[in-house]
Amino acid sequence: MLTYALIAFAVTALIGLVMAASVLRGALAPWALSLVHAALGATGLVLLLVAVLNGTAELIPIALGTLVVAALGGFYLAFLHLQNKPAPSSIVLIHASVAVIGVLMLTGTVLGLL
């Protein structure tokens, strides 16, 4: 289950890079990418939540919490997007950084490094 969550987050991250490139150039991210990014991120969160509820490595709940914080930032960015307002690049970078930290914790656990 953790491997599937990691795959979901990896694809989410790739889409996020494309979206961030648009936003950092001052344009709105394409809606289709935003929706797929959100859906895959939510899928990864649900998979992690199920893993936590079933009992898993102790770093996974921390990774889940970190990724929930990143998701909250994503909700704020989506709210701005709905209003056709450009997202502040600082918020985009914070959202991405928090997500990367959570995914690195998950990756380390899945690969047995942590």
PDB file of N, CA and C in Angstrom:
ATOM      1  N   MET A   1       0.816  -1.182   0.000  1.00  0.00           N
ATOM      2  CA  MET A   1       0.000   0.000   0.000  1.00  0.00           C
ATOM      3  C   MET A   1       0.872   1.262   0.000  1.00  0.00           C
ATOM      4  N   LEU A   2       1.965   1.219   0.759  1.00  0.00           N
ATOM      5  CA  LEU A   2       2.854   2.378   0.794  1.00  0.00           C
ATOM      6  C   LEU A   2       3.507   2.630  -0.558  1.00  0.00           C
ATOM      7  N   THR A   3       3.792   1.558  -1.278  1.00  0.00           N
ATOM      8  CA  THR A   3       4.384   1.719  -2.606  1.00  0.00           C
ATOM      9  C   THR A   3       3.409   2.409  -3.548  1.00  0.00           C
ATOM     10  N   TYR A   4       2.140   2.030  -3.486  1.00  0.00           N
ATOM     11  CA  TYR A   4       1.130   2.683  -4.330  1.00  0.00           C
ATOM     12  C   TYR A   4       0.979   4.153  -3.955  1.00  0.00           C
ATOM     13  N   ALA A   5       1.036   4.454  -2.675  1.00  0.00           N
ATOM     14  CA  ALA A   5       0.968   5.848  -2.236  1.00  0.00           C
ATOM     15  C   ALA A   5       2.167   6.615  -2.784  1.00  0.00           C
ATOM     16  N   LEU A   6       3.340   6.000  -2.725  1.00  0.00           N
ATOM     17  CA  LEU A   6       4.541   6.655  -3.230  1.00  0.00           C
ATOM     18  C   LEU A   6       4.431   6.922  -4.730  1.00  0.00           C
ATOM     19  N   ILE A   7       3.900   5.966  -5.478  1.00  0.00           N
ATOM     20  CA  ILE A   7       3.708   6.159  -6.924  1.00  0.00           C
ATOM     21  C   ILE A   7       2.738   7.312  -7.170  1.00  0.00           C
ATOM     22  N   ALA A   8       1.641   7.344  -6.419  1.00  0.00           N
ATOM     23  CA  ALA A   8       0.658   8.426  -6.578  1.00  0.00           C
ATOM     24  C   ALA A   8       1.317   9.777  -6.305  1.00  0.00           C
ATOM     25  N   PHE A   9       2.110   9.855  -5.249  1.00  0.00           N
ATOM     26  CA  PHE A   9       2.766  11.121  -4.916  1.00  0.00           C
ATOM     27  C   PHE A   9       3.849  11.481  -5.933  1.00  0.00           C
ATOM     28  N   ALA A  10       4.529  10.497  -6.500  1.00  0.00           N
ATOM     29  CA  ALA A  10       5.562  10.780  -7.504  1.00  0.00           C
ATOM     30  C   ALA A  10       4.934  11.407  -8.754  1.00  0.00           C
ATOM     31  N   VAL A  11       3.829  10.836  -9.209  1.00  0.00           N
ATOM     32  CA  VAL A  11       3.143  11.405 -10.374  1.00  0.00           C
ATOM     33  C   VAL A  11       2.574  12.778 -10.024  1.00  0.00           C
ATOM     34  N   THR A  12       2.046  12.901  -8.809  1.00  0.00           N
ATOM     35  CA  THR A  12       1.533  14.189  -8.344  1.00  0.00           C
ATOM     36  C   THR A  12       2.633  15.244  -8.371  1.00  0.00           C
ATOM     37  N   ALA A  13       3.823  14.861  -7.952  1.00  0.00           N
ATOM     38  CA  ALA A  13       4.946  15.800  -7.928  1.00  0.00           C
ATOM     39  C   ALA A  13       5.336  16.240  -9.336  1.00  0.00           C
ATOM     40  N   LEU A  14       5.343  15.306 -10.271  1.00  0.00           N
ATOM     41  CA  LEU A  14       5.688  15.665 -11.655  1.00  0.00           C
ATOM     42  C   LEU A  14       4.683  16.666 -12.226  1.00  0.00           C
ATOM     43  N   ILE A  15       3.407  16.409 -11.983  1.00  0.00           N
ATOM     44  CA  ILE A  15       2.373  17.339 -12.441  1.00  0.00           C
ATOM     45  C   ILE A  15       2.539  18.681 -11.724  1.00  0.00           C
ATOM     46  N   GLY A  16       2.866  18.620 -10.441  1.00  0.00           N
ATOM     47  CA  GLY A  16       3.079  19.837  -9.669  1.00  0.00           C
ATOM     48  C   GLY A  16       4.220  20.684 -10.228  1.00  0.00           C
ATOM     49  N   LEU A  17       5.273  20.038 -10.708  1.00  0.00           N
ATOM     50  CA  LEU A  17       6.381  20.787 -11.314  1.00  0.00           C
ATOM     51  C   LEU A  17       5.926  21.555 -12.550  1.00  0.00           C
ATOM     52  N   VAL A  18       5.112  20.904 -13.372  1.00  0.00           N
ATOM     53  CA  VAL A  18       4.589  21.567 -14.571  1.00  0.00           C
ATOM     54  C   VAL A  18       3.709  22.755 -14.164  1.00  0.00           C
ATOM     55  N   MET A  19       2.849  22.533 -13.162  1.00  0.00           N
ATOM     56  CA  MET A  19       1.968  23.599 -12.700  1.00  0.00           C
ATOM     57  C   MET A  19       2.772  24.742 -12.090  1.00  0.00           C
ATOM     58  N   ALA A  20       3.774  24.413 -11.287  1.00  0.00           N
ATOM     59  CA  ALA A  20       4.591  25.444 -10.645  1.00  0.00           C
ATOM     60  C   ALA A  20       5.326  26.280 -11.688  1.00  0.00           C
ATOM     61  N   ALA A  21       5.777  25.638 -12.761  1.00  0.00           N
ATOM     62  CA  ALA A  21       6.453  26.387 -13.823  1.00  0.00           C
ATOM     63  C   ALA A  21       5.510  27.427 -14.422  1.00  0.00           C
ATOM     64  N   SER A  22       4.252  27.066 -14.616  1.00  0.00           N
ATOM     65  CA  SER A  22       3.268  28.021 -15.138  1.00  0.00           C
ATOM     66  C   SER A  22       3.056  29.165 -14.158  1.00  0.00           C
ATOM     67  N   VAL A  23       2.845  28.803 -12.905  1.00  0.00           N
ATOM     68  CA  VAL A  23       2.543  29.809 -11.888  1.00  0.00           C
ATOM     69  C   VAL A  23       3.726  30.747 -11.671  1.00  0.00           C
ATOM     70  N   LEU A  24       4.926  30.208 -11.658  1.00  0.00           N
ATOM     71  CA  LEU A  24       6.108  31.044 -11.432  1.00  0.00           C
ATOM     72  C   LEU A  24       6.388  31.971 -12.614  1.00  0.00           C
ATOM     73  N   ARG A  25       5.807  31.656 -13.773  1.00  0.00           N
ATOM     74  CA  ARG A  25       5.896  32.565 -14.924  1.00  0.00           C
ATOM     75  C   ARG A  25       4.757  33.585 -14.921  1.00  0.00           C
ATOM     76  N   GLY A  26       3.902  33.514 -13.905  1.00  0.00           N
ATOM     77  CA  GLY A  26       2.819  34.488 -13.787  1.00  0.00           C
ATOM     78  C   GLY A  26       1.504  34.065 -14.420  1.00  0.00           C
ATOM     79  N   ALA A  27       1.423  32.834 -14.904  1.00  0.00           N
ATOM     80  CA  ALA A  27       0.193  32.341 -15.525  1.00  0.00           C
ATOM     81  C   ALA A  27      -0.534  31.417 -14.559  1.00  0.00           C
ATOM     82  N   LEU A  28      -1.805  31.217 -14.806  1.00  0.00           N
ATOM     83  CA  LEU A  28      -2.551  30.234 -14.029  1.00  0.00           C
ATOM     84  C   LEU A  28      -2.219  28.837 -14.539  1.00  0.00           C
ATOM     85  N   ALA A  29      -2.186  27.887 -13.646  1.00  0.00           N
ATOM     86  CA  ALA A  29      -1.945  26.495 -14.038  1.00  0.00           C
ATOM     87  C   ALA A  29      -3.176  25.981 -14.786  1.00  0.00           C
ATOM     88  N   PRO A  30      -2.988  25.095 -15.753  1.00  0.00           N
ATOM     89  CA  PRO A  30      -4.148  24.529 -16.455  1.00  0.00           C
ATOM     90  C   PRO A  30      -5.067  23.779 -15.482  1.00  0.00           C
ATOM     91  N   TRP A  31      -6.378  23.991 -15.626  1.00  0.00           N
ATOM     92  CA  TRP A  31      -7.338  23.372 -14.715  1.00  0.00           C
ATOM     93  C   TRP A  31      -7.257  21.854 -14.732  1.00  0.00           C
ATOM     94  N   ALA A  32      -7.086  21.273 -15.904  1.00  0.00           N
ATOM     95  CA  ALA A  32      -7.047  19.810 -15.998  1.00  0.00           C
ATOM     96  C   ALA A  32      -5.894  19.261 -15.153  1.00  0.00           C
ATOM     97  N   LEU A  33      -4.747  19.901 -15.238  1.00  0.00           N
ATOM     98  CA  LEU A  33      -3.605  19.453 -14.429  1.00  0.00           C
ATOM     99  C   LEU A  33      -3.877  19.651 -12.947  1.00  0.00           C
ATOM    100  N   SER A  34      -4.516  20.750 -12.603  1.00  0.00           N
ATOM    101  CA  SER A  34      -4.839  21.008 -11.198  1.00  0.00           C
ATOM    102  C   SER A  34      -5.743  19.920 -10.631  1.00  0.00           C
ATOM    103  N   LEU A  35      -6.731  19.520 -11.409  1.00  0.00           N
ATOM    104  CA  LEU A  35      -7.666  18.492 -10.942  1.00  0.00           C
ATOM    105  C   LEU A  35      -6.989  17.130 -10.799  1.00  0.00           C
ATOM    106  N   VAL A  36      -6.147  16.778 -11.771  1.00  0.00           N
ATOM    107  CA  VAL A  36      -5.438  15.490 -11.688  1.00  0.00           C
ATOM    108  C   VAL A  36      -4.453  15.521 -10.520  1.00  0.00           C
ATOM    109  N   HIS A  37      -3.772  16.640 -10.339  1.00  0.00           N
ATOM    110  CA  HIS A  37      -2.828  16.819  -9.229  1.00  0.00           C
ATOM    111  C   HIS A  37      -3.551  16.619  -7.894  1.00  0.00           C
ATOM    112  N   ALA A  38      -4.705  17.250  -7.756  1.00  0.00           N
ATOM    113  CA  ALA A  38      -5.480  17.131  -6.513  1.00  0.00           C
ATOM    114  C   ALA A  38      -5.986  15.707  -6.304  1.00  0.00           C
ATOM    115  N   ALA A  39      -6.475  15.080  -7.360  1.00  0.00           N
ATOM    116  CA  ALA A  39      -7.025  13.725  -7.240  1.00  0.00           C
ATOM    117  C   ALA A  39      -5.937  12.713  -6.857  1.00  0.00           C
ATOM    118  N   LEU A  40      -4.781  12.818  -7.489  1.00  0.00           N
ATOM    119  CA  LEU A  40      -3.689  11.892  -7.158  1.00  0.00           C
ATOM    120  C   LEU A  40      -3.143  12.152  -5.756  1.00  0.00           C
ATOM    121  N   GLY A  41      -3.055  13.420  -5.384  1.00  0.00           N
ATOM    122  CA  GLY A  41      -2.610  13.742  -4.030  1.00  0.00           C
ATOM    123  C   GLY A  41      -3.573  13.193  -2.989  1.00  0.00           C
ATOM    124  N   ALA A  42      -4.878  13.345  -3.247  1.00  0.00           N
ATOM    125  CA  ALA A  42      -5.883  12.815  -2.321  1.00  0.00           C
ATOM    126  C   ALA A  42      -5.811  11.293  -2.257  1.00  0.00           C
ATOM    127  N   THR A  43      -5.573  10.651  -3.390  1.00  0.00           N
ATOM    128  CA  THR A  43      -5.432   9.193  -3.419  1.00  0.00           C
ATOM    129  C   THR A  43      -4.259   8.754  -2.547  1.00  0.00           C
ATOM    130  N   GLY A  44      -3.131   9.446  -2.694  1.00  0.00           N
ATOM    131  CA  GLY A  44      -1.966   9.128  -1.869  1.00  0.00           C
ATOM    132  C   GLY A  44      -2.247   9.324  -0.388  1.00  0.00           C
ATOM    133  N   LEU A  45      -2.957  10.393  -0.043  1.00  0.00           N
ATOM    134  CA  LEU A  45      -3.296  10.637   1.363  1.00  0.00           C
ATOM    135  C   LEU A  45      -4.194   9.543   1.921  1.00  0.00           C
ATOM    136  N   VAL A  46      -5.176   9.124   1.140  1.00  0.00           N
ATOM    137  CA  VAL A  46      -6.079   8.056   1.607  1.00  0.00           C
ATOM    138  C   VAL A  46      -5.302   6.758   1.800  1.00  0.00           C
ATOM    139  N   LEU A  47      -4.423   6.434   0.871  1.00  0.00           N
ATOM    140  CA  LEU A  47      -3.619   5.216   1.009  1.00  0.00           C
ATOM    141  C   LEU A  47      -2.737   5.278   2.255  1.00  0.00           C
ATOM    142  N   LEU A  48      -2.159   6.434   2.513  1.00  0.00           N
ATOM    143  CA  LEU A  48      -1.343   6.577   3.721  1.00  0.00           C
ATOM    144  C   LEU A  48      -2.191   6.479   4.978  1.00  0.00           C
ATOM    145  N   LEU A  49      -3.380   7.077   4.948  1.00  0.00           N
ATOM    146  CA  LEU A  49      -4.267   6.999   6.108  1.00  0.00           C
ATOM    147  C   LEU A  49      -4.644   5.560   6.402  1.00  0.00           C
ATOM    148  N   VAL A  50      -4.952   4.791   5.384  1.00  0.00           N
ATOM    149  CA  VAL A  50      -5.288   3.374   5.579  1.00  0.00           C
ATOM    150  C   VAL A  50      -4.087   2.628   6.164  1.00  0.00           C
ATOM    151  N   ALA A  51      -2.895   2.933   5.659  1.00  0.00           N
ATOM    152  CA  ALA A  51      -1.689   2.286   6.191  1.00  0.00           C
ATOM    153  C   ALA A  51      -1.495   2.632   7.663  1.00  0.00           C
ATOM    154  N   VAL A  52      -1.730   3.888   8.021  1.00  0.00           N
ATOM    155  CA  VAL A  52      -1.580   4.309   9.424  1.00  0.00           C
ATOM    156  C   VAL A  52      -2.613   3.604  10.294  1.00  0.00           C
ATOM    157  N   LEU A  53      -3.841   3.525   9.818  1.00  0.00           N
ATOM    158  CA  LEU A  53      -4.899   2.875  10.591  1.00  0.00           C
ATOM    159  C   LEU A  53      -4.646   1.375  10.755  1.00  0.00           C
ATOM    160  N   ASN A  54      -3.950   0.772   9.804  1.00  0.00           N
ATOM    161  CA  ASN A  54      -3.623  -0.652   9.888  1.00  0.00           C
ATOM    162  C   ASN A  54      -2.337  -0.897  10.685  1.00  0.00           C
ATOM    163  N   GLY A  55      -1.701   0.156  11.117  1.00  0.00           N
ATOM    164  CA  GLY A  55      -0.440   0.012  11.860  1.00  0.00           C
ATOM    165  C   GLY A  55       0.707  -0.136  10.887  1.00  0.00           C
ATOM    166  N   THR A  56       1.623   0.787  10.926  1.00  0.00           N
ATOM    167  CA  THR A  56       2.732   0.774   9.990  1.00  0.00           C
ATOM    168  C   THR A  56       3.944   1.421  10.658  1.00  0.00           C
ATOM    169  N   ALA A  57       5.000   1.593   9.917  1.00  0.00           N
ATOM    170  CA  ALA A  57       6.226   2.203  10.449  1.00  0.00           C
ATOM    171  C   ALA A  57       5.915   3.544  11.100  1.00  0.00           C
ATOM    172  N   GLU A  58       6.625   3.848  12.165  1.00  0.00           N
ATOM    173  CA  GLU A  58       6.268   5.028  12.945  1.00  0.00           C
ATOM    174  C   GLU A  58       6.528   6.343  12.233  1.00  0.00           C
ATOM    175  N   LEU A  59       7.298   6.355  11.163  1.00  0.00           N
ATOM    176  CA  LEU A  59       7.531   7.588  10.430  1.00  0.00           C
ATOM    177  C   LEU A  59       6.368   7.919   9.491  1.00  0.00           C
ATOM    178  N   ILE A  60       5.578   6.929   9.131  1.00  0.00           N
ATOM    179  CA  ILE A  60       4.482   7.152   8.191  1.00  0.00           C
ATOM    180  C   ILE A  60       3.429   8.119   8.742  1.00  0.00           C
ATOM    181  N   PRO A  61       3.023   8.038  10.011  1.00  0.00           N
ATOM    182  CA  PRO A  61       2.075   9.053  10.498  1.00  0.00           C
ATOM    183  C   PRO A  61       2.635  10.476  10.425  1.00  0.00           C
ATOM    184  N   ILE A  62       3.937  10.617  10.612  1.00  0.00           N
ATOM    185  CA  ILE A  62       4.553  11.939  10.499  1.00  0.00           C
ATOM    186  C   ILE A  62       4.534  12.396   9.039  1.00  0.00           C
ATOM    187  N   ALA A  63       4.836  11.481   8.127  1.00  0.00           N
ATOM    188  CA  ALA A  63       4.771  11.800   6.699  1.00  0.00           C
ATOM    189  C   ALA A  63       3.342  12.186   6.324  1.00  0.00           C
ATOM    190  N   LEU A  64       2.369  11.443   6.832  1.00  0.00           N
ATOM    191  CA  LEU A  64       0.971  11.751   6.554  1.00  0.00           C
ATOM    192  C   LEU A  64       0.623  13.147   7.055  1.00  0.00           C
ATOM    193  N   GLY A  65       1.010  13.471   8.275  1.00  0.00           N
ATOM    194  CA  GLY A  65       0.731  14.800   8.812  1.00  0.00           C
ATOM    195  C   GLY A  65       1.379  15.894   7.985  1.00  0.00           C
ATOM    196  N   THR A  66       2.599  15.665   7.568  1.00  0.00           N
ATOM    197  CA  THR A  66       3.312  16.639   6.739  1.00  0.00           C
ATOM    198  C   THR A  66       2.596  16.839   5.410  1.00  0.00           C
ATOM    199  N   LEU A  67       2.151  15.740   4.811  1.00  0.00           N
ATOM    200  CA  LEU A  67       1.459  15.835   3.527  1.00  0.00           C
ATOM    201  C   LEU A  67       0.074  16.449   3.675  1.00  0.00           C
ATOM    202  N   VAL A  68      -0.561  16.281   4.816  1.00  0.00           N
ATOM    203  CA  VAL A  68      -1.845  16.956   5.062  1.00  0.00           C
ATOM    204  C   VAL A  68      -1.618  18.470   5.121  1.00  0.00           C
ATOM    205  N   VAL A  69      -0.533  18.898   5.763  1.00  0.00           N
ATOM    206  CA  VAL A  69      -0.205  20.326   5.801  1.00  0.00           C
ATOM    207  C   VAL A  69       0.025  20.837   4.372  1.00  0.00           C
ATOM    208  N   ALA A  70       0.734  20.061   3.557  1.00  0.00           N
ATOM    209  CA  ALA A  70       0.950  20.449   2.157  1.00  0.00           C
ATOM    210  C   ALA A  70      -0.390  20.540   1.423  1.00  0.00           C
ATOM    211  N   ALA A  71      -1.293  19.609   1.702  1.00  0.00           N
ATOM    212  CA  ALA A  71      -2.609  19.622   1.058  1.00  0.00           C
ATOM    213  C   ALA A  71      -3.391  20.877   1.439  1.00  0.00           C
ATOM    214  N   LEU A  72      -3.271  21.302   2.686  1.00  0.00           N
ATOM    215  CA  LEU A  72      -3.944  22.536   3.103  1.00  0.00           C
ATOM    216  C   LEU A  72      -3.421  23.729   2.308  1.00  0.00           C
ATOM    217  N   GLY A  73      -2.134  23.759   2.086  1.00  0.00           N
ATOM    218  CA  GLY A  73      -1.569  24.801   1.224  1.00  0.00           C
ATOM    219  C   GLY A  73      -2.100  24.688  -0.191  1.00  0.00           C
ATOM    220  N   GLY A  74      -2.268  23.455  -0.657  1.00  0.00           N
ATOM    221  CA  GLY A  74      -2.833  23.229  -1.985  1.00  0.00           C
ATOM    222  C   GLY A  74      -4.273  23.715  -2.084  1.00  0.00           C
ATOM    223  N   PHE A  75      -5.042  23.528  -1.012  1.00  0.00           N
ATOM    224  CA  PHE A  75      -6.422  24.037  -1.002  1.00  0.00           C
ATOM    225  C   PHE A  75      -6.424  25.563  -1.130  1.00  0.00           C
ATOM    226  N   TYR A  76      -5.501  26.209  -0.441  1.00  0.00           N
ATOM    227  CA  TYR A  76      -5.416  27.668  -0.536  1.00  0.00           C
ATOM    228  C   TYR A  76      -5.063  28.081  -1.967  1.00  0.00           C
ATOM    229  N   LEU A  77      -4.115  27.386  -2.571  1.00  0.00           N
ATOM    230  CA  LEU A  77      -3.742  27.696  -3.952  1.00  0.00           C
ATOM    231  C   LEU A  77      -4.904  27.464  -4.906  1.00  0.00           C
ATOM    232  N   ALA A  78      -5.681  26.399  -4.674  1.00  0.00           N
ATOM    233  CA  ALA A  78      -6.851  26.139  -5.516  1.00  0.00           C
ATOM    234  C   ALA A  78      -7.898  27.240  -5.335  1.00  0.00           C
ATOM    235  N   PHE A  79      -8.058  27.721  -4.108  1.00  0.00           N
ATOM    236  CA  PHE A  79      -8.984  28.814  -3.838  1.00  0.00           C
ATOM    237  C   PHE A  79      -8.589  30.057  -4.634  1.00  0.00           C
ATOM    238  N   LEU A  80      -7.306  30.374  -4.651  1.00  0.00           N
ATOM    239  CA  LEU A  80      -6.847  31.507  -5.454  1.00  0.00           C
ATOM    240  C   LEU A  80      -7.102  31.270  -6.933  1.00  0.00           C
ATOM    241  N   HIS A  81      -6.863  30.043  -7.360  1.00  0.00           N
ATOM    242  CA  HIS A  81      -7.065  29.676  -8.762  1.00  0.00           C
ATOM    243  C   HIS A  81      -8.536  29.856  -9.156  1.00  0.00           C
ATOM    244  N   LEU A  82      -9.439  29.451  -8.277  1.00  0.00           N
ATOM    245  CA  LEU A  82     -10.871  29.617  -8.543  1.00  0.00           C
ATOM    246  C   LEU A  82     -11.251  31.085  -8.733  1.00  0.00           C
ATOM    247  N   GLN A  83     -10.531  31.953  -8.080  1.00  0.00           N
ATOM    248  CA  GLN A  83     -10.789  33.388  -8.191  1.00  0.00           C
ATOM    249  C   GLN A  83      -9.993  34.035  -9.322  1.00  0.00           C
ATOM    250  N   ASN A  84      -9.329  33.207 -10.119  1.00  0.00           N
ATOM    251  CA  ASN A  84      -8.483  33.674 -11.220  1.00  0.00           C
ATOM    252  C   ASN A  84      -7.393  34.644 -10.755  1.00  0.00           C
ATOM    253  N   LYS A  85      -6.909  34.425  -9.554  1.00  0.00           N
ATOM    254  CA  LYS A  85      -5.818  35.226  -9.015  1.00  0.00           C
ATOM    255  C   LYS A  85      -4.524  34.421  -9.126  1.00  0.00           C
ATOM    256  N   PRO A  86      -3.458  35.066  -9.501  1.00  0.00           N
ATOM    257  CA  PRO A  86      -2.171  34.348  -9.530  1.00  0.00           C
ATOM    258  C   PRO A  86      -1.718  34.008  -8.109  1.00  0.00           C
ATOM    259  N   ALA A  87      -1.163  32.855  -7.968  1.00  0.00           N
ATOM    260  CA  ALA A  87      -0.685  32.411  -6.656  1.00  0.00           C
ATOM    261  C   ALA A  87       0.655  33.069  -6.365  1.00  0.00           C
ATOM    262  N   PRO A  88       0.854  33.511  -5.124  1.00  0.00           N
ATOM    263  CA  PRO A  88       2.176  34.039  -4.762  1.00  0.00           C
ATOM    264  C   PRO A  88       3.232  32.934  -4.870  1.00  0.00           C
ATOM    265  N   SER A  89       4.338  33.268  -5.489  1.00  0.00           N
ATOM    266  CA  SER A  89       5.367  32.239  -5.689  1.00  0.00           C
ATOM    267  C   SER A  89       5.880  31.704  -4.353  1.00  0.00           C
ATOM    268  N   SER A  90       5.863  32.518  -3.313  1.00  0.00           N
ATOM    269  CA  SER A  90       6.323  32.036  -2.010  1.00  0.00           C
ATOM    270  C   SER A  90       5.421  30.916  -1.491  1.00  0.00           C
ATOM    271  N   ILE A  91       4.117  31.043  -1.681  1.00  0.00           N
ATOM    272  CA  ILE A  91       3.184  30.004  -1.226  1.00  0.00           C
ATOM    273  C   ILE A  91       3.378  28.737  -2.051  1.00  0.00           C
ATOM    274  N   VAL A  92       3.571  28.897  -3.347  1.00  0.00           N
ATOM    275  CA  VAL A  92       3.806  27.731  -4.212  1.00  0.00           C
ATOM    276  C   VAL A  92       5.063  26.992  -3.747  1.00  0.00           C
ATOM    277  N   LEU A  93       6.120  27.737  -3.455  1.00  0.00           N
ATOM    278  CA  LEU A  93       7.377  27.107  -3.038  1.00  0.00           C
ATOM    279  C   LEU A  93       7.261  26.459  -1.657  1.00  0.00           C
ATOM    280  N   ILE A  94       6.504  27.074  -0.753  1.00  0.00           N
ATOM    281  CA  ILE A  94       6.293  26.463   0.561  1.00  0.00           C
ATOM    282  C   ILE A  94       5.480  25.180   0.420  1.00  0.00           C
ATOM    283  N   HIS A  95       4.410  25.238  -0.374  1.00  0.00           N
ATOM    284  CA  HIS A  95       3.575  24.052  -0.618  1.00  0.00           C
ATOM    285  C   HIS A  95       4.427  22.913  -1.170  1.00  0.00           C
ATOM    286  N   ALA A  96       5.236  23.221  -2.162  1.00  0.00           N
ATOM    287  CA  ALA A  96       6.075  22.196  -2.789  1.00  0.00           C
ATOM    288  C   ALA A  96       7.118  21.656  -1.808  1.00  0.00           C
ATOM    289  N   SER A  97       7.724  22.534  -1.037  1.00  0.00           N
ATOM    290  CA  SER A  97       8.763  22.108  -0.092  1.00  0.00           C
ATOM    291  C   SER A  97       8.212  21.189   0.983  1.00  0.00           C
ATOM    292  N   VAL A  98       7.060  21.533   1.533  1.00  0.00           N
ATOM    293  CA  VAL A  98       6.444  20.692   2.564  1.00  0.00           C
ATOM    294  C   VAL A  98       6.078  19.334   1.969  1.00  0.00           C
ATOM    295  N   ALA A  99       5.534  19.342   0.746  1.00  0.00           N
ATOM    296  CA  ALA A  99       5.174  18.080   0.100  1.00  0.00           C
ATOM    297  C   ALA A  99       6.405  17.215  -0.147  1.00  0.00           C
ATOM    298  N   VAL A 100       7.485  17.832  -0.593  1.00  0.00           N
ATOM    299  CA  VAL A 100       8.718  17.078  -0.851  1.00  0.00           C
ATOM    300  C   VAL A 100       9.239  16.445   0.434  1.00  0.00           C
ATOM    301  N   ILE A 101       9.180  17.169   1.540  1.00  0.00           N
ATOM    302  CA  ILE A 101       9.628  16.612   2.820  1.00  0.00           C
ATOM    303  C   ILE A 101       8.799  15.379   3.181  1.00  0.00           C
ATOM    304  N   GLY A 102       7.476  15.470   3.035  1.00  0.00           N
ATOM    305  CA  GLY A 102       6.607  14.328   3.326  1.00  0.00           C
ATOM    306  C   GLY A 102       6.888  13.147   2.422  1.00  0.00           C
ATOM    307  N   VAL A 103       7.089  13.421   1.136  1.00  0.00           N
ATOM    308  CA  VAL A 103       7.359  12.335   0.184  1.00  0.00           C
ATOM    309  C   VAL A 103       8.733  11.719   0.449  1.00  0.00           C
ATOM    310  N   LEU A 104       9.695  12.509   0.853  1.00  0.00           N
ATOM    311  CA  LEU A 104      11.011  11.947   1.190  1.00  0.00           C
ATOM    312  C   LEU A 104      10.924  11.021   2.405  1.00  0.00           C
ATOM    313  N   MET A 105      10.118  11.390   3.382  1.00  0.00           N
ATOM    314  CA  MET A 105       9.926  10.491   4.545  1.00  0.00           C
ATOM    315  C   MET A 105       9.283   9.181   4.090  1.00  0.00           C
ATOM    316  N   LEU A 106       8.285   9.282   3.235  1.00  0.00           N
ATOM    317  CA  LEU A 106       7.615   8.092   2.717  1.00  0.00           C
ATOM    318  C   LEU A 106       8.593   7.247   1.891  1.00  0.00           C
ATOM    319  N   THR A 107       9.352   7.890   1.038  1.00  0.00           N
ATOM    320  CA  THR A 107      10.323   7.183   0.200  1.00  0.00           C
ATOM    321  C   THR A 107      11.358   6.447   1.044  1.00  0.00           C
ATOM    322  N   GLY A 108      11.887   7.143   2.041  1.00  0.00           N
ATOM    323  CA  GLY A 108      12.874   6.519   2.925  1.00  0.00           C
ATOM    324  C   GLY A 108      12.308   5.293   3.620  1.00  0.00           C
ATOM    325  N   THR A 109      11.055   5.369   4.029  1.00  0.00           N
ATOM    326  CA  THR A 109      10.420   4.228   4.705  1.00  0.00           C
ATOM    327  C   THR A 109      10.184   3.075   3.740  1.00  0.00           C
ATOM    328  N   VAL A 110       9.663   3.397   2.553  1.00  0.00           N
ATOM    329  CA  VAL A 110       9.372   2.348   1.563  1.00  0.00           C
ATOM    330  C   VAL A 110      10.664   1.642   1.141  1.00  0.00           C
ATOM    331  N   LEU A 111      11.724   2.405   0.973  1.00  0.00           N
ATOM    332  CA  LEU A 111      13.012   1.807   0.550  1.00  0.00           C
ATOM    333  C   LEU A 111      13.816   1.225   1.701  1.00  0.00           C
ATOM    334  N   GLY A 112      13.300   1.348   2.918  1.00  0.00           N
ATOM    335  CA  GLY A 112      13.986   0.803   4.073  1.00  0.00           C
ATOM    336  C   GLY A 112      15.186   1.593   4.513  1.00  0.00           C
ATOM    337  N   LEU A 113      15.246   2.856   4.150  1.00  0.00           N
ATOM    338  CA  LEU A 113      16.384   3.703   4.500  1.00  0.00           C
ATOM    339  C   LEU A 113      16.202   4.372   5.854  1.00  0.00           C
ATOM    340  N   LEU A 114      14.952   4.485   6.296  1.00  0.00           N
ATOM    341  CA  LEU A 114      14.660   5.174   7.568  1.00  0.00           C
ATOM    342  C   LEU A 114      14.025   4.216   8.548  1.00  0.00           C
TER     343      LEU A 114
END
